[in-house]
N, C-alpha and C. Protein backbone atom coordinates (compact mmCIF):
# COMPACT_ATOMS: atom_id res chain seq x y z
N UNK A 1 -28.50 7.58 35.97
CA UNK A 1 -28.23 6.24 36.47
C UNK A 1 -28.59 5.19 35.42
N UNK A 2 -29.61 5.45 34.60
CA UNK A 2 -30.04 4.49 33.59
C UNK A 2 -28.99 4.24 32.52
N UNK A 3 -28.33 5.31 32.05
CA UNK A 3 -27.29 5.16 31.03
C UNK A 3 -26.08 4.42 31.57
N UNK A 4 -25.73 4.67 32.82
CA UNK A 4 -24.57 4.01 33.42
C UNK A 4 -24.79 2.50 33.50
N UNK A 5 -26.02 2.11 33.79
CA UNK A 5 -26.36 0.68 33.87
C UNK A 5 -26.12 0.01 32.52
N UNK A 6 -26.53 0.64 31.43
CA UNK A 6 -26.35 0.05 30.10
C UNK A 6 -24.88 0.03 29.67
N UNK A 7 -24.14 1.03 30.11
CA UNK A 7 -22.70 1.04 29.82
C UNK A 7 -22.02 -0.12 30.53
N UNK A 8 -22.38 -0.36 31.78
CA UNK A 8 -21.80 -1.48 32.53
C UNK A 8 -22.20 -2.82 31.92
N UNK A 9 -23.43 -2.96 31.51
CA UNK A 9 -23.88 -4.21 30.88
C UNK A 9 -23.15 -4.42 29.56
N UNK A 10 -23.03 -3.36 28.76
CA UNK A 10 -22.32 -3.47 27.48
C UNK A 10 -20.86 -3.84 27.68
N UNK A 11 -20.22 -3.24 28.67
CA UNK A 11 -18.83 -3.57 28.96
C UNK A 11 -18.69 -5.02 29.39
N UNK A 12 -19.61 -5.50 30.20
CA UNK A 12 -19.57 -6.89 30.64
C UNK A 12 -19.74 -7.86 29.49
N UNK A 13 -20.67 -7.56 28.59
CA UNK A 13 -20.88 -8.41 27.41
C UNK A 13 -19.64 -8.41 26.53
N UNK A 14 -19.04 -7.26 26.32
CA UNK A 14 -17.82 -7.16 25.51
C UNK A 14 -16.68 -7.98 26.13
N UNK A 15 -16.49 -7.90 27.42
CA UNK A 15 -15.46 -8.68 28.10
C UNK A 15 -15.73 -10.18 27.98
N UNK A 16 -16.98 -10.57 28.10
CA UNK A 16 -17.33 -11.99 27.95
C UNK A 16 -17.01 -12.49 26.55
N UNK A 17 -17.31 -11.70 25.53
CA UNK A 17 -17.01 -12.08 24.15
C UNK A 17 -15.51 -12.22 23.95
N UNK A 18 -14.75 -11.27 24.48
CA UNK A 18 -13.28 -11.34 24.35
C UNK A 18 -12.74 -12.59 25.02
N UNK A 19 -13.22 -12.91 26.21
CA UNK A 19 -12.73 -14.10 26.92
C UNK A 19 -13.12 -15.40 26.21
N UNK A 20 -14.30 -15.44 25.61
CA UNK A 20 -14.74 -16.64 24.91
C UNK A 20 -13.94 -16.85 23.64
N UNK A 21 -13.79 -15.82 22.84
CA UNK A 21 -13.14 -15.98 21.54
C UNK A 21 -11.62 -16.01 21.62
N UNK A 22 -11.04 -15.41 22.62
CA UNK A 22 -9.59 -15.41 22.71
C UNK A 22 -9.10 -16.31 23.84
N UNK A 23 -9.99 -17.08 24.44
CA UNK A 23 -9.63 -18.12 25.39
C UNK A 23 -8.97 -17.56 26.64
N UNK A 24 -9.01 -16.26 26.84
CA UNK A 24 -8.46 -15.67 28.05
C UNK A 24 -6.95 -15.63 28.10
N UNK A 25 -6.27 -16.34 27.22
CA UNK A 25 -4.81 -16.35 27.17
C UNK A 25 -4.37 -16.79 25.79
N UNK A 26 -3.09 -16.90 25.59
CA UNK A 26 -2.59 -17.21 24.25
C UNK A 26 -2.90 -18.64 23.83
N UNK A 27 -2.99 -19.59 24.77
CA UNK A 27 -3.26 -20.98 24.43
C UNK A 27 -2.03 -21.74 23.96
N UNK A 28 -0.87 -21.10 24.00
CA UNK A 28 0.36 -21.77 23.55
C UNK A 28 0.96 -22.50 24.75
N UNK A 29 0.81 -23.82 24.75
CA UNK A 29 1.37 -24.66 25.81
C UNK A 29 2.62 -25.38 25.34
N UNK A 30 2.78 -25.51 24.03
CA UNK A 30 3.90 -26.23 23.43
C UNK A 30 4.88 -25.21 22.85
N UNK A 31 6.11 -25.27 23.27
CA UNK A 31 7.13 -24.34 22.78
C UNK A 31 7.55 -24.69 21.36
N UNK A 32 8.17 -23.74 20.69
CA UNK A 32 8.58 -23.89 19.30
C UNK A 32 9.48 -25.12 19.10
N UNK A 33 10.45 -25.32 19.99
CA UNK A 33 11.38 -26.44 19.84
C UNK A 33 10.65 -27.79 19.92
N UNK A 34 9.69 -27.89 20.83
CA UNK A 34 8.92 -29.14 20.96
C UNK A 34 8.05 -29.37 19.73
N UNK A 35 7.51 -28.32 19.16
CA UNK A 35 6.69 -28.45 17.95
C UNK A 35 7.55 -28.91 16.78
N UNK A 36 8.75 -28.37 16.66
CA UNK A 36 9.66 -28.79 15.59
C UNK A 36 10.03 -30.26 15.78
N UNK A 37 10.28 -30.66 17.01
CA UNK A 37 10.62 -32.06 17.28
C UNK A 37 9.46 -33.00 16.92
N UNK A 38 8.23 -32.60 17.24
CA UNK A 38 7.06 -33.41 16.89
C UNK A 38 6.89 -33.50 15.38
N UNK A 39 7.09 -32.38 14.70
CA UNK A 39 6.98 -32.37 13.23
C UNK A 39 8.07 -33.23 12.61
N UNK A 40 9.28 -33.14 13.14
CA UNK A 40 10.40 -33.93 12.61
C UNK A 40 10.15 -35.42 12.82
N UNK A 41 9.60 -35.79 13.98
CA UNK A 41 9.28 -37.19 14.25
C UNK A 41 8.23 -37.69 13.26
N UNK A 42 7.24 -36.86 12.95
CA UNK A 42 6.21 -37.25 11.97
C UNK A 42 6.82 -37.42 10.58
N UNK A 43 7.76 -36.56 10.22
CA UNK A 43 8.43 -36.67 8.92
C UNK A 43 9.29 -37.94 8.86
N UNK A 44 9.96 -38.26 9.96
CA UNK A 44 10.85 -39.42 9.99
C UNK A 44 10.11 -40.75 9.85
N UNK A 45 8.89 -40.85 10.34
CA UNK A 45 8.16 -42.12 10.28
C UNK A 45 7.33 -42.26 9.01
N UNK A 46 7.30 -41.23 8.18
CA UNK A 46 6.55 -41.28 6.93
C UNK A 46 7.40 -41.97 5.86
N UNK A 47 6.83 -42.89 5.10
CA UNK A 47 7.61 -43.56 4.06
C UNK A 47 8.23 -42.61 3.05
N UNK A 48 7.58 -41.47 2.78
CA UNK A 48 8.11 -40.49 1.84
C UNK A 48 9.07 -39.51 2.51
N UNK A 49 9.43 -39.76 3.77
CA UNK A 49 10.28 -38.85 4.52
C UNK A 49 11.62 -38.61 3.86
N UNK A 50 12.28 -37.54 4.25
CA UNK A 50 13.57 -37.15 3.68
C UNK A 50 14.36 -36.39 4.74
N UNK A 51 15.64 -36.17 4.48
CA UNK A 51 16.51 -35.42 5.38
C UNK A 51 16.54 -33.96 4.91
N UNK A 52 15.83 -33.06 5.61
CA UNK A 52 15.78 -31.67 5.17
C UNK A 52 17.08 -30.92 5.46
N UNK A 53 17.35 -29.90 4.68
CA UNK A 53 18.51 -29.06 4.96
C UNK A 53 18.10 -27.64 5.38
N UNK A 54 16.78 -27.40 5.44
CA UNK A 54 16.27 -26.10 5.85
C UNK A 54 14.92 -26.28 6.52
N UNK A 55 14.63 -25.44 7.50
CA UNK A 55 13.30 -25.47 8.13
C UNK A 55 12.86 -24.05 8.47
N UNK A 56 11.53 -23.87 8.48
CA UNK A 56 10.93 -22.60 8.86
C UNK A 56 9.78 -22.90 9.82
N UNK A 57 9.61 -22.04 10.82
CA UNK A 57 8.57 -22.24 11.82
C UNK A 57 7.84 -20.92 12.04
N UNK A 58 6.50 -21.00 12.10
CA UNK A 58 5.69 -19.81 12.37
C UNK A 58 4.53 -20.21 13.29
N UNK A 59 4.20 -19.29 14.19
CA UNK A 59 3.02 -19.47 15.02
C UNK A 59 1.85 -18.87 14.27
N UNK A 60 0.81 -19.68 14.04
CA UNK A 60 -0.37 -19.22 13.31
C UNK A 60 -1.61 -19.45 14.16
N UNK A 61 -2.72 -18.91 13.74
CA UNK A 61 -4.02 -19.17 14.38
C UNK A 61 -4.96 -19.72 13.33
N UNK A 62 -5.67 -20.80 13.70
CA UNK A 62 -6.57 -21.46 12.76
C UNK A 62 -7.92 -21.72 13.40
N UNK A 63 -8.95 -21.75 12.56
CA UNK A 63 -10.29 -22.14 13.03
C UNK A 63 -11.07 -20.98 13.61
N UNK A 64 -12.25 -21.34 14.13
CA UNK A 64 -13.13 -20.37 14.77
C UNK A 64 -13.74 -21.02 16.00
N UNK A 65 -13.49 -20.53 17.18
CA UNK A 65 -12.59 -19.44 17.48
C UNK A 65 -11.14 -19.83 17.18
N UNK A 66 -10.30 -18.85 16.89
CA UNK A 66 -8.93 -19.17 16.47
C UNK A 66 -8.13 -19.86 17.57
N UNK A 67 -7.41 -20.93 17.16
CA UNK A 67 -6.54 -21.67 18.07
C UNK A 67 -5.11 -21.58 17.54
N UNK A 68 -4.14 -21.46 18.45
CA UNK A 68 -2.76 -21.35 18.00
C UNK A 68 -2.22 -22.69 17.52
N UNK A 69 -1.38 -22.63 16.50
CA UNK A 69 -0.72 -23.82 15.96
C UNK A 69 0.64 -23.40 15.42
N UNK A 70 1.55 -24.35 15.40
CA UNK A 70 2.87 -24.12 14.81
C UNK A 70 2.87 -24.67 13.40
N UNK A 71 3.23 -23.86 12.43
CA UNK A 71 3.39 -24.31 11.04
C UNK A 71 4.89 -24.53 10.83
N UNK A 72 5.26 -25.78 10.53
CA UNK A 72 6.66 -26.15 10.35
C UNK A 72 6.83 -26.63 8.91
N UNK A 73 7.79 -26.03 8.20
CA UNK A 73 8.05 -26.42 6.81
C UNK A 73 9.50 -26.91 6.73
N UNK A 74 9.66 -28.17 6.31
CA UNK A 74 10.98 -28.74 6.10
C UNK A 74 11.25 -28.77 4.59
N UNK A 75 12.46 -28.39 4.19
CA UNK A 75 12.79 -28.29 2.77
C UNK A 75 14.12 -28.97 2.49
N UNK A 76 14.16 -29.69 1.39
CA UNK A 76 15.41 -30.20 0.83
C UNK A 76 15.64 -29.37 -0.42
N UNK A 77 16.58 -28.43 -0.35
CA UNK A 77 16.79 -27.50 -1.45
C UNK A 77 17.49 -28.17 -2.62
N UNK A 78 17.26 -27.61 -3.79
CA UNK A 78 17.88 -28.09 -5.02
C UNK A 78 19.22 -27.38 -5.18
N UNK A 79 20.34 -28.12 -5.12
CA UNK A 79 21.65 -27.46 -5.21
C UNK A 79 21.87 -26.74 -6.54
N UNK A 80 21.17 -27.14 -7.59
CA UNK A 80 21.33 -26.50 -8.89
C UNK A 80 20.42 -25.29 -9.06
N UNK A 81 19.50 -25.11 -8.11
CA UNK A 81 18.52 -24.03 -8.27
C UNK A 81 18.76 -22.87 -7.34
N UNK A 82 17.81 -21.94 -7.36
CA UNK A 82 17.88 -20.75 -6.51
C UNK A 82 17.28 -21.00 -5.15
N UNK A 83 17.06 -19.92 -4.41
CA UNK A 83 16.55 -20.01 -3.03
C UNK A 83 15.17 -20.66 -2.97
N UNK A 84 14.34 -20.45 -3.96
CA UNK A 84 12.98 -20.99 -3.95
C UNK A 84 12.85 -22.33 -4.66
N UNK A 85 13.95 -22.86 -5.17
CA UNK A 85 13.92 -24.17 -5.83
C UNK A 85 14.20 -25.26 -4.80
N UNK A 86 13.39 -26.30 -4.83
CA UNK A 86 13.58 -27.38 -3.87
C UNK A 86 13.29 -28.71 -4.53
N UNK A 87 13.86 -29.76 -3.93
CA UNK A 87 13.61 -31.11 -4.41
C UNK A 87 12.42 -31.73 -3.68
N UNK A 88 12.34 -31.50 -2.37
CA UNK A 88 11.24 -32.02 -1.55
C UNK A 88 10.88 -30.99 -0.50
N UNK A 89 9.61 -30.99 -0.11
CA UNK A 89 9.16 -30.07 0.94
C UNK A 89 7.98 -30.70 1.66
N UNK A 90 7.95 -30.53 2.98
CA UNK A 90 6.84 -31.03 3.79
C UNK A 90 6.36 -29.89 4.69
N UNK A 91 5.05 -29.66 4.70
CA UNK A 91 4.42 -28.67 5.56
C UNK A 91 3.64 -29.41 6.63
N UNK A 92 3.97 -29.16 7.89
CA UNK A 92 3.37 -29.88 9.01
C UNK A 92 2.83 -28.87 10.01
N UNK A 93 1.58 -29.07 10.44
CA UNK A 93 0.96 -28.19 11.42
C UNK A 93 0.83 -28.94 12.74
N UNK A 94 1.35 -28.31 13.81
CA UNK A 94 1.33 -28.91 15.14
C UNK A 94 0.47 -28.02 16.05
N UNK A 95 -0.51 -28.62 16.73
CA UNK A 95 -1.37 -27.88 17.65
C UNK A 95 -0.51 -27.32 18.78
N UNK A 96 -0.57 -26.01 19.01
CA UNK A 96 0.26 -25.37 20.03
C UNK A 96 -0.24 -25.60 21.44
N UNK A 97 -1.43 -26.16 21.56
CA UNK A 97 -1.95 -26.47 22.89
C UNK A 97 -1.65 -27.89 23.33
N UNK A 98 -1.68 -28.82 22.36
CA UNK A 98 -1.51 -30.24 22.71
C UNK A 98 -0.21 -30.84 22.19
N UNK A 99 0.37 -30.27 21.17
CA UNK A 99 1.58 -30.83 20.58
C UNK A 99 1.31 -31.91 19.55
N UNK A 100 0.06 -32.13 19.23
CA UNK A 100 -0.31 -33.17 18.26
C UNK A 100 -0.17 -32.63 16.84
N UNK A 101 0.29 -33.51 15.94
CA UNK A 101 0.35 -33.15 14.53
C UNK A 101 -1.07 -33.21 13.99
N UNK A 102 -1.56 -32.08 13.45
CA UNK A 102 -2.94 -32.02 12.98
C UNK A 102 -3.05 -31.96 11.46
N UNK A 103 -1.93 -31.68 10.80
CA UNK A 103 -1.96 -31.64 9.33
C UNK A 103 -0.55 -31.92 8.82
N UNK A 104 -0.50 -32.67 7.72
CA UNK A 104 0.79 -33.05 7.11
C UNK A 104 0.60 -33.06 5.62
N UNK A 105 1.44 -32.32 4.90
CA UNK A 105 1.30 -32.25 3.45
C UNK A 105 2.67 -32.17 2.78
N UNK A 106 2.85 -32.99 1.75
CA UNK A 106 4.05 -32.88 0.93
C UNK A 106 3.76 -31.90 -0.18
N UNK A 107 4.71 -31.02 -0.46
CA UNK A 107 4.56 -30.00 -1.50
C UNK A 107 5.49 -30.38 -2.65
N UNK A 108 4.94 -30.40 -3.85
CA UNK A 108 5.73 -30.75 -5.03
C UNK A 108 6.33 -29.48 -5.63
N UNK A 109 7.56 -29.55 -6.12
CA UNK A 109 8.15 -28.37 -6.76
C UNK A 109 7.47 -28.06 -8.09
N UNK A 110 7.49 -26.79 -8.48
CA UNK A 110 6.94 -26.39 -9.77
C UNK A 110 7.79 -26.99 -10.87
N UNK A 111 7.13 -27.56 -11.86
CA UNK A 111 7.88 -28.18 -12.95
C UNK A 111 8.14 -27.20 -14.08
N UNK A 112 7.54 -26.03 -14.04
CA UNK A 112 7.71 -25.09 -15.13
C UNK A 112 8.54 -23.98 -14.71
């Protein structure tokens, strides 16, 4: 009976840790389309904004404990270059729980 008690306590502690660190669910309240729309709105109101011809979206986890976020990258490709050549690029992170833009960065093309 003594060993069973410790197994039950250990299982309970493990379940509590899982629920605390993983929030009990995915935490994604904002759909991909809404995140792209929020990122696009942020790009449009920025003075350095541009009209992208390509976009990429990924669901990522950031922080500790990890929280879901949408990483949205808008690109204006260089017509004279290859697939990885671009004229302008913006990387925008949107919180998947609230829909708020939490990070915005312009990426400069490699000059070499």
